[in-house]
Amino acid sequence: MSRAPVPQPRSKAVVEAFVRLYDRGVIYRSTRLVNWCSKLKTAISNIEVDYKELEGRTLISVPSHPAHKKYEFGALISFAYKIENSSTRPQCRNRWCGPGR
């Protein structure tokens, strides 16, 4: 997907608006899970999400996709960012304490 470049004066105005909103406490930066709609290619709110508990890897059909096609959920295949150990267990803070350890 290609995007048209935003003209410089408009880009500066957008940055300025975000800075002002941040300074007033209207918006904030945080580390959160984002719900992403792959059909609309946009973030969606928590109230628009149908939550489903999974017990590990699960094949699920997806609305608006072919009925016979199922996709794997419940497994992390790749991660684009460095993962820091954020365990609250003291014994795991400096080493891997997952399965097989």
Protein backbone atom coordinates (compact mmCIF):
# COMPACT_ATOMS: atom_id res chain seq x y z
CA MET A 1 0.00 0.00 0.00
CA SER A 2 1.46 3.37 -0.99
CA ARG A 3 0.67 6.65 0.69
CA ALA A 4 0.81 10.14 -0.73
CA PRO A 5 3.34 12.34 1.05
CA VAL A 6 1.81 14.89 3.43
CA PRO A 7 2.74 18.45 2.46
CA GLN A 8 5.31 19.92 4.89
CA PRO A 9 3.12 22.72 6.38
CA ARG A 10 0.31 20.23 7.06
CA SER A 11 2.76 17.73 8.56
CA LYS A 12 4.08 20.42 10.94
CA ALA A 13 0.51 21.32 11.91
CA VAL A 14 -0.27 17.68 12.72
CA VAL A 15 2.84 17.35 14.88
CA GLU A 16 2.01 20.63 16.64
CA ALA A 17 -1.56 19.45 17.34
CA PHE A 18 -0.31 16.18 18.84
CA VAL A 19 2.27 17.99 20.99
CA ARG A 20 -0.39 20.39 22.33
CA LEU A 21 -2.82 17.54 23.08
CA TYR A 22 -0.03 15.62 24.83
CA ASP A 23 1.04 18.66 26.86
CA ARG A 24 -2.57 19.17 28.02
CA GLY A 25 -2.87 15.50 29.05
CA VAL A 26 -5.60 14.78 26.49
CA ILE A 27 -3.53 12.06 24.82
CA TYR A 28 -0.69 9.97 26.20
CA ARG A 29 1.91 7.50 25.07
CA SER A 30 1.81 4.00 26.49
CA THR A 31 2.74 0.43 25.77
CA ARG A 32 -0.53 -1.32 24.94
CA LEU A 33 -1.90 -4.05 22.73
CA VAL A 34 -3.49 -2.61 19.58
CA ASN A 35 -6.48 -4.32 17.97
CA TRP A 36 -5.82 -4.35 14.23
CA CYS A 37 -8.43 -5.03 11.54
CA SER A 38 -6.64 -6.62 8.58
CA LYS A 39 -9.64 -6.02 6.28
CA LEU A 40 -10.01 -2.31 7.04
CA LYS A 41 -6.25 -1.88 7.62
CA THR A 42 -6.84 0.23 10.72
CA ALA A 43 -6.84 0.02 14.50
CA ILE A 44 -10.20 -0.73 16.14
CA SER A 45 -11.47 -0.13 19.67
CA ASN A 46 -11.85 -2.79 22.37
CA ILE A 47 -15.66 -2.66 22.09
CA GLU A 48 -15.42 -3.70 18.42
CA VAL A 49 -13.48 -6.88 19.24
CA ASP A 50 -15.00 -10.31 19.84
CA TYR A 51 -12.66 -11.89 22.41
CA LYS A 52 -12.07 -15.63 22.35
CA GLU A 53 -9.92 -17.57 24.83
CA LEU A 54 -7.55 -20.02 23.13
CA GLU A 55 -5.70 -22.97 24.60
CA GLY A 56 -2.60 -22.65 22.41
CA ARG A 57 -2.48 -22.98 18.63
CA THR A 58 -5.97 -23.02 17.13
CA LEU A 59 -7.26 -22.99 13.54
CA ILE A 60 -10.18 -20.57 13.10
CA SER A 61 -12.22 -19.45 10.07
CA VAL A 62 -12.36 -15.69 9.59
CA PRO A 63 -15.49 -13.78 8.52
CA SER A 64 -15.40 -12.50 4.92
CA HIS A 65 -12.73 -15.11 4.01
CA PRO A 66 -13.43 -18.40 2.19
CA ALA A 67 -15.36 -20.72 4.53
CA HIS A 68 -12.95 -23.64 3.94
CA LYS A 69 -9.90 -21.49 4.80
CA LYS A 70 -8.76 -21.51 8.45
CA TYR A 71 -6.00 -19.45 10.01
CA GLU A 72 -3.74 -20.29 12.90
CA PHE A 73 -4.17 -18.17 16.04
CA GLY A 74 -2.56 -18.47 19.46
CA ALA A 75 1.03 -18.71 18.22
CA LEU A 76 3.69 -16.01 17.89
CA ILE A 77 5.51 -16.68 14.63
CA SER A 78 7.79 -13.63 14.51
CA PHE A 79 8.31 -10.41 16.40
CA ALA A 80 9.81 -7.28 14.84
CA TYR A 81 11.02 -5.63 18.03
CA LYS A 82 13.54 -6.51 20.72
CA ILE A 83 11.77 -8.31 23.57
CA GLU A 84 12.89 -7.32 27.04
CA ASN A 85 12.43 -9.67 29.97
CA SER A 86 9.52 -8.18 31.89
CA SER A 87 8.83 -11.07 34.23
CA THR A 88 7.73 -10.26 37.76
CA ARG A 89 9.35 -13.50 38.93
CA PRO A 90 12.80 -12.60 40.37
CA GLN A 91 14.32 -15.91 39.23
CA CYS A 92 13.44 -15.08 35.61
CA ARG A 93 14.66 -11.51 35.37
CA ASN A 94 18.10 -12.32 33.90
CA ARG A 95 17.49 -15.63 32.11
CA TRP A 96 14.90 -17.58 30.14
CA CYS A 97 12.50 -19.52 32.40
CA GLY A 98 10.17 -20.87 29.74
CA PRO A 99 9.35 -24.45 28.74
CA GLY A 100 12.34 -26.76 28.57
CA ARG A 101 14.27 -24.85 31.23
